[in-house]
Amino acid sequence: MTSRIVAKRNERKREATKALSDKNAAVAELRKTKRKILEMEIVGACRHAIKSFTLHALGEGNDNAGGLKARKNRFEVLDRLALSRSEE
């Protein structure tokens, strides 16, 4: 009788340990997946920011580098690039 109880308790301990290790592995995998998704979103945002401004809109070919509007556009692109670098 007692050996059966001890065997059941040991089996439950093994199952609990396995469940915890499976949970930890799943959490680690989820963390990796979320990090990859975030990186892909940042890359996509940077590509969109860079593609949304032509060189002329960034001030190329103008005597005053495109003025205030082009300066704001350049800073926006640089801010997005800096954000993507800081996330890495």
PDB file of N, CA and C in Angstrom:
ATOM      1  N   MET A   1       0.819  -1.193   0.000  1.00  0.00           N
ATOM      2  CA  MET A   1       0.000   0.000   0.000  1.00  0.00           C
ATOM      3  C   MET A   1       0.869   1.265   0.000  1.00  0.00           C
ATOM      4  N   THR A   2       1.814   1.330   0.891  1.00  0.00           N
ATOM      5  CA  THR A   2       2.645   2.532   0.966  1.00  0.00           C
ATOM      6  C   THR A   2       3.570   2.646  -0.238  1.00  0.00           C
ATOM      7  N   SER A   3       4.008   1.535  -0.769  1.00  0.00           N
ATOM      8  CA  SER A   3       4.886   1.606  -1.944  1.00  0.00           C
ATOM      9  C   SER A   3       4.122   2.161  -3.141  1.00  0.00           C
ATOM     10  N   ARG A   4       2.827   1.849  -3.227  1.00  0.00           N
ATOM     11  CA  ARG A   4       2.011   2.390  -4.299  1.00  0.00           C
ATOM     12  C   ARG A   4       1.836   3.908  -4.148  1.00  0.00           C
ATOM     13  N   ILE A   5       1.649   4.344  -2.927  1.00  0.00           N
ATOM     14  CA  ILE A   5       1.489   5.772  -2.652  1.00  0.00           C
ATOM     15  C   ILE A   5       2.790   6.514  -2.973  1.00  0.00           C
ATOM     16  N   VAL A   6       3.906   5.945  -2.565  1.00  0.00           N
ATOM     17  CA  VAL A   6       5.205   6.548  -2.831  1.00  0.00           C
ATOM     18  C   VAL A   6       5.458   6.590  -4.344  1.00  0.00           C
ATOM     19  N   ALA A   7       5.101   5.530  -5.038  1.00  0.00           N
ATOM     20  CA  ALA A   7       5.288   5.482  -6.480  1.00  0.00           C
ATOM     21  C   ALA A   7       4.431   6.541  -7.174  1.00  0.00           C
ATOM     22  N   LYS A   8       3.187   6.721  -6.716  1.00  0.00           N
ATOM     23  CA  LYS A   8       2.305   7.736  -7.295  1.00  0.00           C
ATOM     24  C   LYS A   8       2.855   9.143  -7.030  1.00  0.00           C
ATOM     25  N   ARG A   9       3.358   9.360  -5.806  1.00  0.00           N
ATOM     26  CA  ARG A   9       3.910  10.664  -5.458  1.00  0.00           C
ATOM     27  C   ARG A   9       5.143  10.965  -6.319  1.00  0.00           C
ATOM     28  N   ASN A  10       5.982   9.981  -6.498  1.00  0.00           N
ATOM     29  CA  ASN A  10       7.169  10.165  -7.338  1.00  0.00           C
ATOM     30  C   ASN A  10       6.782  10.448  -8.790  1.00  0.00           C
ATOM     31  N   GLU A  11       5.771   9.739  -9.266  1.00  0.00           N
ATOM     32  CA  GLU A  11       5.288   9.956 -10.633  1.00  0.00           C
ATOM     33  C   GLU A  11       4.740  11.374 -10.786  1.00  0.00           C
ATOM     34  N   ARG A  12       3.977  11.844  -9.798  1.00  0.00           N
ATOM     35  CA  ARG A  12       3.451  13.223  -9.844  1.00  0.00           C
ATOM     36  C   ARG A  12       4.580  14.242  -9.827  1.00  0.00           C
ATOM     37  N   LYS A  13       5.622  13.982  -9.041  1.00  0.00           N
ATOM     38  CA  LYS A  13       6.765  14.899  -9.002  1.00  0.00           C
ATOM     39  C   LYS A  13       7.447  14.958 -10.370  1.00  0.00           C
ATOM     40  N   ARG A  14       7.614  13.799 -10.995  1.00  0.00           N
ATOM     41  CA  ARG A  14       8.224  13.767 -12.324  1.00  0.00           C
ATOM     42  C   ARG A  14       7.368  14.516 -13.338  1.00  0.00           C
ATOM     43  N   GLU A  15       6.052  14.302 -13.272  1.00  0.00           N
ATOM     44  CA  GLU A  15       5.147  14.989 -14.189  1.00  0.00           C
ATOM     45  C   GLU A  15       5.181  16.504 -13.971  1.00  0.00           C
ATOM     46  N   ALA A  16       5.219  16.924 -12.703  1.00  0.00           N
ATOM     47  CA  ALA A  16       5.272  18.360 -12.401  1.00  0.00           C
ATOM     48  C   ALA A  16       6.574  18.972 -12.890  1.00  0.00           C
ATOM     49  N   THR A  17       7.679  18.275 -12.689  1.00  0.00           N
ATOM     50  CA  THR A  17       8.971  18.774 -13.151  1.00  0.00           C
ATOM     51  C   THR A  17       8.989  18.874 -14.669  1.00  0.00           C
ATOM     52  N   LYS A  18       8.453  17.859 -15.346  1.00  0.00           N
ATOM     53  CA  LYS A  18       8.397  17.881 -16.803  1.00  0.00           C
ATOM     54  C   LYS A  18       7.493  18.998 -17.291  1.00  0.00           C
ATOM     55  N   ALA A  19       6.362  19.208 -16.635  1.00  0.00           N
ATOM     56  CA  ALA A  19       5.450  20.283 -17.035  1.00  0.00           C
ATOM     57  C   ALA A  19       6.113  21.652 -16.879  1.00  0.00           C
ATOM     58  N   LEU A  20       6.842  21.840 -15.791  1.00  0.00           N
ATOM     59  CA  LEU A  20       7.536  23.114 -15.582  1.00  0.00           C
ATOM     60  C   LEU A  20       8.621  23.340 -16.629  1.00  0.00           C
ATOM     61  N   SER A  21       9.370  22.301 -16.939  1.00  0.00           N
ATOM     62  CA  SER A  21      10.415  22.467 -17.952  1.00  0.00           C
ATOM     63  C   SER A  21       9.802  22.712 -19.328  1.00  0.00           C
ATOM     64  N   ASP A  22       8.677  22.058 -19.638  1.00  0.00           N
ATOM     65  CA  ASP A  22       7.985  22.309 -20.906  1.00  0.00           C
ATOM     66  C   ASP A  22       7.469  23.742 -20.965  1.00  0.00           C
ATOM     67  N   LYS A  23       6.930  24.218 -19.842  1.00  0.00           N
ATOM     68  CA  LYS A  23       6.436  25.592 -19.784  1.00  0.00           C
ATOM     69  C   LYS A  23       7.573  26.582 -19.992  1.00  0.00           C
ATOM     70  N   ASN A  24       8.694  26.353 -19.332  1.00  0.00           N
ATOM     71  CA  ASN A  24       9.840  27.252 -19.478  1.00  0.00           C
ATOM     72  C   ASN A  24      10.360  27.264 -20.913  1.00  0.00           C
ATOM     73  N   ALA A  25      10.382  26.107 -21.545  1.00  0.00           N
ATOM     74  CA  ALA A  25      10.822  26.029 -22.937  1.00  0.00           C
ATOM     75  C   ALA A  25       9.848  26.779 -23.850  1.00  0.00           C
ATOM     76  N   ALA A  26       8.549  26.646 -23.587  1.00  0.00           N
ATOM     77  CA  ALA A  26       7.546  27.343 -24.402  1.00  0.00           C
ATOM     78  C   ALA A  26       7.645  28.854 -24.218  1.00  0.00           C
ATOM     79  N   VAL A  27       7.874  29.295 -22.994  1.00  0.00           N
ATOM     80  CA  VAL A  27       8.015  30.732 -22.727  1.00  0.00           C
ATOM     81  C   VAL A  27       9.251  31.281 -23.440  1.00  0.00           C
ATOM     82  N   ALA A  28      10.343  30.542 -23.411  1.00  0.00           N
ATOM     83  CA  ALA A  28      11.565  30.978 -24.096  1.00  0.00           C
ATOM     84  C   ALA A  28      11.334  31.056 -25.607  1.00  0.00           C
ATOM     85  N   GLU A  29      10.645  30.094 -26.161  1.00  0.00           N
ATOM     86  CA  GLU A  29      10.343  30.094 -27.595  1.00  0.00           C
ATOM     87  C   GLU A  29       9.429  31.262 -27.955  1.00  0.00           C
ATOM     88  N   LEU A  30       8.450  31.533 -27.107  1.00  0.00           N
ATOM     89  CA  LEU A  30       7.550  32.672 -27.329  1.00  0.00           C
ATOM     90  C   LEU A  30       8.321  33.986 -27.293  1.00  0.00           C
ATOM     91  N   ARG A  31       9.249  34.111 -26.362  1.00  0.00           N
ATOM     92  CA  ARG A  31      10.062  35.317 -26.255  1.00  0.00           C
ATOM     93  C   ARG A  31      10.886  35.523 -27.533  1.00  0.00           C
ATOM     94  N   LYS A  32      11.476  34.438 -28.045  1.00  0.00           N
ATOM     95  CA  LYS A  32      12.257  34.522 -29.287  1.00  0.00           C
ATOM     96  C   LYS A  32      11.370  34.949 -30.453  1.00  0.00           C
ATOM     97  N   THR A  33      10.185  34.361 -30.537  1.00  0.00           N
ATOM     98  CA  THR A  33       9.266  34.670 -31.625  1.00  0.00           C
ATOM     99  C   THR A  33       8.821  36.126 -31.565  1.00  0.00           C
ATOM    100  N   LYS A  34       8.504  36.611 -30.367  1.00  0.00           N
ATOM    101  CA  LYS A  34       8.096  38.012 -30.216  1.00  0.00           C
ATOM    102  C   LYS A  34       9.226  38.952 -30.605  1.00  0.00           C
ATOM    103  N   ARG A  35      10.451  38.604 -30.230  1.00  0.00           N
ATOM    104  CA  ARG A  35      11.601  39.434 -30.583  1.00  0.00           C
ATOM    105  C   ARG A  35      11.779  39.485 -32.103  1.00  0.00           C
ATOM    106  N   LYS A  36      11.622  38.338 -32.777  1.00  0.00           N
ATOM    107  CA  LYS A  36      11.747  38.309 -34.235  1.00  0.00           C
ATOM    108  C   LYS A  36      10.656  39.141 -34.902  1.00  0.00           C
ATOM    109  N   ILE A  37       9.431  39.055 -34.386  1.00  0.00           N
ATOM    110  CA  ILE A  37       8.327  39.840 -34.936  1.00  0.00           C
ATOM    111  C   ILE A  37       8.602  41.323 -34.773  1.00  0.00           C
ATOM    112  N   LEU A  38       9.075  41.726 -33.592  1.00  0.00           N
ATOM    113  CA  LEU A  38       9.393  43.127 -33.351  1.00  0.00           C
ATOM    114  C   LEU A  38      10.490  43.614 -34.296  1.00  0.00           C
ATOM    115  N   GLU A  39      11.513  42.801 -34.499  1.00  0.00           N
ATOM    116  CA  GLU A  39      12.590  43.175 -35.416  1.00  0.00           C
ATOM    117  C   GLU A  39      12.063  43.349 -36.836  1.00  0.00           C
ATOM    118  N   MET A  40      11.190  42.457 -37.261  1.00  0.00           N
ATOM    119  CA  MET A  40      10.641  42.562 -38.612  1.00  0.00           C
ATOM    120  C   MET A  40       9.760  43.804 -38.750  1.00  0.00           C
ATOM    121  N   GLU A  41       9.001  44.149 -37.703  1.00  0.00           N
ATOM    122  CA  GLU A  41       8.181  45.354 -37.752  1.00  0.00           C
ATOM    123  C   GLU A  41       9.055  46.596 -37.845  1.00  0.00           C
ATOM    124  N   ILE A  42      10.162  46.618 -37.115  1.00  0.00           N
ATOM    125  CA  ILE A  42      11.065  47.765 -37.144  1.00  0.00           C
ATOM    126  C   ILE A  42      11.701  47.902 -38.523  1.00  0.00           C
ATOM    127  N   VAL A  43      12.127  46.781 -39.080  1.00  0.00           N
ATOM    128  CA  VAL A  43      12.731  46.809 -40.417  1.00  0.00           C
ATOM    129  C   VAL A  43      11.710  47.319 -41.432  1.00  0.00           C
ATOM    130  N   GLY A  44      10.491  46.843 -41.321  1.00  0.00           N
ATOM    131  CA  GLY A  44       9.444  47.298 -42.245  1.00  0.00           C
ATOM    132  C   GLY A  44       9.159  48.782 -42.092  1.00  0.00           C
ATOM    133  N   ALA A  45       9.140  49.275 -40.863  1.00  0.00           N
ATOM    134  CA  ALA A  45       8.897  50.703 -40.630  1.00  0.00           C
ATOM    135  C   ALA A  45      10.028  51.543 -41.206  1.00  0.00           C
ATOM    136  N   CYS A  46      11.251  51.085 -41.047  1.00  0.00           N
ATOM    137  CA  CYS A  46      12.395  51.822 -41.603  1.00  0.00           C
ATOM    138  C   CYS A  46      12.335  51.848 -43.122  1.00  0.00           C
ATOM    139  N   ARG A  47      12.024  50.729 -43.716  1.00  0.00           N
ATOM    140  CA  ARG A  47      11.925  50.688 -45.176  1.00  0.00           C
ATOM    141  C   ARG A  47      10.814  51.612 -45.659  1.00  0.00           C
ATOM    142  N   HIS A  48       9.710  51.612 -44.944  1.00  0.00           N
ATOM    143  CA  HIS A  48       8.604  52.482 -45.325  1.00  0.00           C
ATOM    144  C   HIS A  48       9.001  53.948 -45.190  1.00  0.00           C
ATOM    145  N   ALA A  49       9.690  54.280 -44.107  1.00  0.00           N
ATOM    146  CA  ALA A  49      10.103  55.672 -43.891  1.00  0.00           C
ATOM    147  C   ALA A  49      11.080  56.113 -44.969  1.00  0.00           C
ATOM    148  N   ILE A  50      11.990  55.242 -45.323  1.00  0.00           N
ATOM    149  CA  ILE A  50      12.982  55.595 -46.331  1.00  0.00           C
ATOM    150  C   ILE A  50      12.320  55.696 -47.709  1.00  0.00           C
ATOM    151  N   LYS A  51      11.401  54.816 -48.003  1.00  0.00           N
ATOM    152  CA  LYS A  51      10.757  54.834 -49.301  1.00  0.00           C
ATOM    153  C   LYS A  51       9.753  55.980 -49.428  1.00  0.00           C
ATOM    154  N   SER A  52       9.240  56.471 -48.319  1.00  0.00           N
ATOM    155  CA  SER A  52       8.210  57.498 -48.421  1.00  0.00           C
ATOM    156  C   SER A  52       8.777  58.868 -48.750  1.00  0.00           C
ATOM    157  N   PHE A  53      10.080  59.040 -48.700  1.00  0.00           N
ATOM    158  CA  PHE A  53      10.701  60.319 -49.024  1.00  0.00           C
ATOM    159  C   PHE A  53      11.621  60.154 -50.230  1.00  0.00           C
ATOM    160  N   THR A  54      11.390  60.951 -51.230  1.00  0.00           N
ATOM    161  CA  THR A  54      12.309  60.962 -52.360  1.00  0.00           C
ATOM    162  C   THR A  54      13.536  61.772 -51.971  1.00  0.00           C
ATOM    163  N   LEU A  55      14.585  61.655 -52.755  1.00  0.00           N
ATOM    164  CA  LEU A  55      15.784  62.439 -52.460  1.00  0.00           C
ATOM    165  C   LEU A  55      15.499  63.933 -52.553  1.00  0.00           C
ATOM    166  N   HIS A  56      14.644  64.291 -53.491  1.00  0.00           N
ATOM    167  CA  HIS A  56      14.275  65.704 -53.604  1.00  0.00           C
ATOM    168  C   HIS A  56      13.537  66.171 -52.339  1.00  0.00           C
ATOM    169  N   ALA A  57      12.684  65.296 -51.781  1.00  0.00           N
ATOM    170  CA  ALA A  57      11.958  65.652 -50.556  1.00  0.00           C
ATOM    171  C   ALA A  57      12.900  65.768 -49.362  1.00  0.00           C
ATOM    172  N   LEU A  58      14.056  65.109 -49.460  1.00  0.00           N
ATOM    173  CA  LEU A  58      15.041  65.208 -48.376  1.00  0.00           C
ATOM    174  C   LEU A  58      16.016  66.359 -48.600  1.00  0.00           C
ATOM    175  N   GLY A  59      15.866  67.088 -49.706  1.00  0.00           N
ATOM    176  CA  GLY A  59      16.652  68.293 -49.916  1.00  0.00           C
ATOM    177  C   GLY A  59      17.758  68.203 -50.936  1.00  0.00           C
ATOM    178  N   GLU A  60      17.842  67.123 -51.675  1.00  0.00           N
ATOM    179  CA  GLU A  60      18.920  66.995 -52.656  1.00  0.00           C
ATOM    180  C   GLU A  60      18.726  67.987 -53.800  1.00  0.00           C
ATOM    181  N   GLY A  61      19.812  68.650 -54.164  1.00  0.00           N
ATOM    182  CA  GLY A  61      19.789  69.522 -55.318  1.00  0.00           C
ATOM    183  C   GLY A  61      19.288  70.930 -55.039  1.00  0.00           C
ATOM    184  N   ASN A  62      18.909  71.222 -53.830  1.00  0.00           N
ATOM    185  CA  ASN A  62      18.449  72.565 -53.486  1.00  0.00           C
ATOM    186  C   ASN A  62      19.580  73.354 -52.845  1.00  0.00           C
ATOM    187  N   ASP A  63      19.558  74.663 -53.080  1.00  0.00           N
ATOM    188  CA  ASP A  63      20.603  75.512 -52.509  1.00  0.00           C
ATOM    189  C   ASP A  63      20.555  75.520 -50.985  1.00  0.00           C
ATOM    190  N   ASN A  64      19.360  75.531 -50.422  1.00  0.00           N
ATOM    191  CA  ASN A  64      19.234  75.574 -48.959  1.00  0.00           C
ATOM    192  C   ASN A  64      18.895  74.204 -48.371  1.00  0.00           C
ATOM    193  N   ALA A  65      19.231  73.145 -49.067  1.00  0.00           N
ATOM    194  CA  ALA A  65      18.997  71.751 -48.648  1.00  0.00           C
ATOM    195  C   ALA A  65      17.521  71.447 -48.447  1.00  0.00           C
ATOM    196  N   GLY A  66      16.657  72.143 -49.177  1.00  0.00           N
ATOM    197  CA  GLY A  66      15.235  71.836 -49.134  1.00  0.00           C
ATOM    198  C   GLY A  66      14.452  72.592 -48.090  1.00  0.00           C
ATOM    199  N   GLY A  67      15.127  73.372 -47.293  1.00  0.00           N
ATOM    200  CA  GLY A  67      14.428  74.182 -46.300  1.00  0.00           C
ATOM    201  C   GLY A  67      13.979  73.395 -45.089  1.00  0.00           C
ATOM    202  N   LEU A  68      13.068  73.972 -44.342  1.00  0.00           N
ATOM    203  CA  LEU A  68      12.598  73.395 -43.078  1.00  0.00           C
ATOM    204  C   LEU A  68      11.874  72.062 -43.292  1.00  0.00           C
ATOM    205  N   LYS A  69      11.069  71.985 -44.334  1.00  0.00           N
ATOM    206  CA  LYS A  69      10.313  70.745 -44.584  1.00  0.00           C
ATOM    207  C   LYS A  69      11.250  69.566 -44.854  1.00  0.00           C
ATOM    208  N   ALA A  70      12.259  69.773 -45.694  1.00  0.00           N
ATOM    209  CA  ALA A  70      13.215  68.703 -45.989  1.00  0.00           C
ATOM    210  C   ALA A  70      14.019  68.347 -44.749  1.00  0.00           C
ATOM    211  N   ARG A  71      14.334  69.358 -43.951  1.00  0.00           N
ATOM    212  CA  ARG A  71      15.074  69.095 -42.703  1.00  0.00           C
ATOM    213  C   ARG A  71      14.262  68.205 -41.768  1.00  0.00           C
ATOM    214  N   LYS A  72      12.965  68.473 -41.643  1.00  0.00           N
ATOM    215  CA  LYS A  72      12.091  67.636 -40.809  1.00  0.00           C
ATOM    216  C   LYS A  72      12.031  66.211 -41.354  1.00  0.00           C
ATOM    217  N   ASN A  73      11.950  66.081 -42.666  1.00  0.00           N
ATOM    218  CA  ASN A  73      11.930  64.756 -43.288  1.00  0.00           C
ATOM    219  C   ASN A  73      13.218  63.992 -42.996  1.00  0.00           C
ATOM    220  N   ARG A  74      14.364  64.682 -43.111  1.00  0.00           N
ATOM    221  CA  ARG A  74      15.644  64.027 -42.834  1.00  0.00           C
ATOM    222  C   ARG A  74      15.719  63.572 -41.383  1.00  0.00           C
ATOM    223  N   PHE A  75      15.276  64.434 -40.480  1.00  0.00           N
ATOM    224  CA  PHE A  75      15.312  64.054 -39.066  1.00  0.00           C
ATOM    225  C   PHE A  75      14.379  62.889 -38.766  1.00  0.00           C
ATOM    226  N   GLU A  76      13.246  62.836 -39.437  1.00  0.00           N
ATOM    227  CA  GLU A  76      12.325  61.710 -39.234  1.00  0.00           C
ATOM    228  C   GLU A  76      12.965  60.398 -39.672  1.00  0.00           C
ATOM    229  N   VAL A  77      13.612  60.413 -40.835  1.00  0.00           N
ATOM    230  CA  VAL A  77      14.288  59.208 -41.327  1.00  0.00           C
ATOM    231  C   VAL A  77      15.405  58.810 -40.367  1.00  0.00           C
ATOM    232  N   LEU A  78      16.197  59.778 -39.928  1.00  0.00           N
ATOM    233  CA  LEU A  78      17.301  59.478 -39.019  1.00  0.00           C
ATOM    234  C   LEU A  78      16.805  58.966 -37.678  1.00  0.00           C
ATOM    235  N   ASP A  79      15.708  59.511 -37.181  1.00  0.00           N
ATOM    236  CA  ASP A  79      15.142  59.034 -35.917  1.00  0.00           C
ATOM    237  C   ASP A  79      14.680  57.587 -36.031  1.00  0.00           C
ATOM    238  N   ARG A  80      14.045  57.266 -37.134  1.00  0.00           N
ATOM    239  CA  ARG A  80      13.593  55.876 -37.315  1.00  0.00           C
ATOM    240  C   ARG A  80      14.775  54.917 -37.447  1.00  0.00           C
ATOM    241  N   LEU A  81      15.808  55.353 -38.138  1.00  0.00           N
ATOM    242  CA  LEU A  81      16.994  54.506 -38.260  1.00  0.00           C
ATOM    243  C   LEU A  81      17.677  54.331 -36.905  1.00  0.00           C
ATOM    244  N   ALA A  82      17.744  55.405 -36.124  1.00  0.00           N
ATOM    245  CA  ALA A  82      18.356  55.312 -34.798  1.00  0.00           C
ATOM    246  C   ALA A  82      17.539  54.398 -33.902  1.00  0.00           C
ATOM    247  N   LEU A  83      16.221  54.457 -34.013  1.00  0.00           N
ATOM    248  CA  LEU A  83      15.361  53.585 -33.223  1.00  0.00           C
ATOM    249  C   LEU A  83      15.586  52.131 -33.583  1.00  0.00           C
ATOM    250  N   SER A  84      15.721  51.848 -34.869  1.00  0.00           N
ATOM    251  CA  SER A  84      15.934  50.457 -35.276  1.00  0.00           C
ATOM    252  C   SER A  84      17.292  49.953 -34.801  1.00  0.00           C
ATOM    253  N   ARG A  85      18.296  50.810 -34.769  1.00  0.00           N
ATOM    254  CA  ARG A  85      19.618  50.408 -34.289  1.00  0.00           C
ATOM    255  C   ARG A  85      19.615  50.182 -32.785  1.00  0.00           C
ATOM    256  N   SER A  86      18.873  50.989 -32.044  1.00  0.00           N
ATOM    257  CA  SER A  86      18.859  50.834 -30.585  1.00  0.00           C
ATOM    258  C   SER A  86      18.104  49.580 -30.164  1.00  0.00           C
ATOM    259  N   GLU A  87      17.157  49.110 -30.990  1.00  0.00           N
ATOM    260  CA  GLU A  87      16.406  47.911 -30.680  1.00  0.00           C
ATOM    261  C   GLU A  87      17.242  46.654 -30.872  1.00  0.00           C
ATOM    262  N   GLU A  88      18.265  46.724 -31.700  1.00  0.00           N
ATOM    263  CA  GLU A  88      19.106  45.551 -31.955  1.00  0.00           C
ATOM    264  C   GLU A  88      19.918  45.310 -30.753  1.00  0.00           C
TER     265      GLU A  88
END
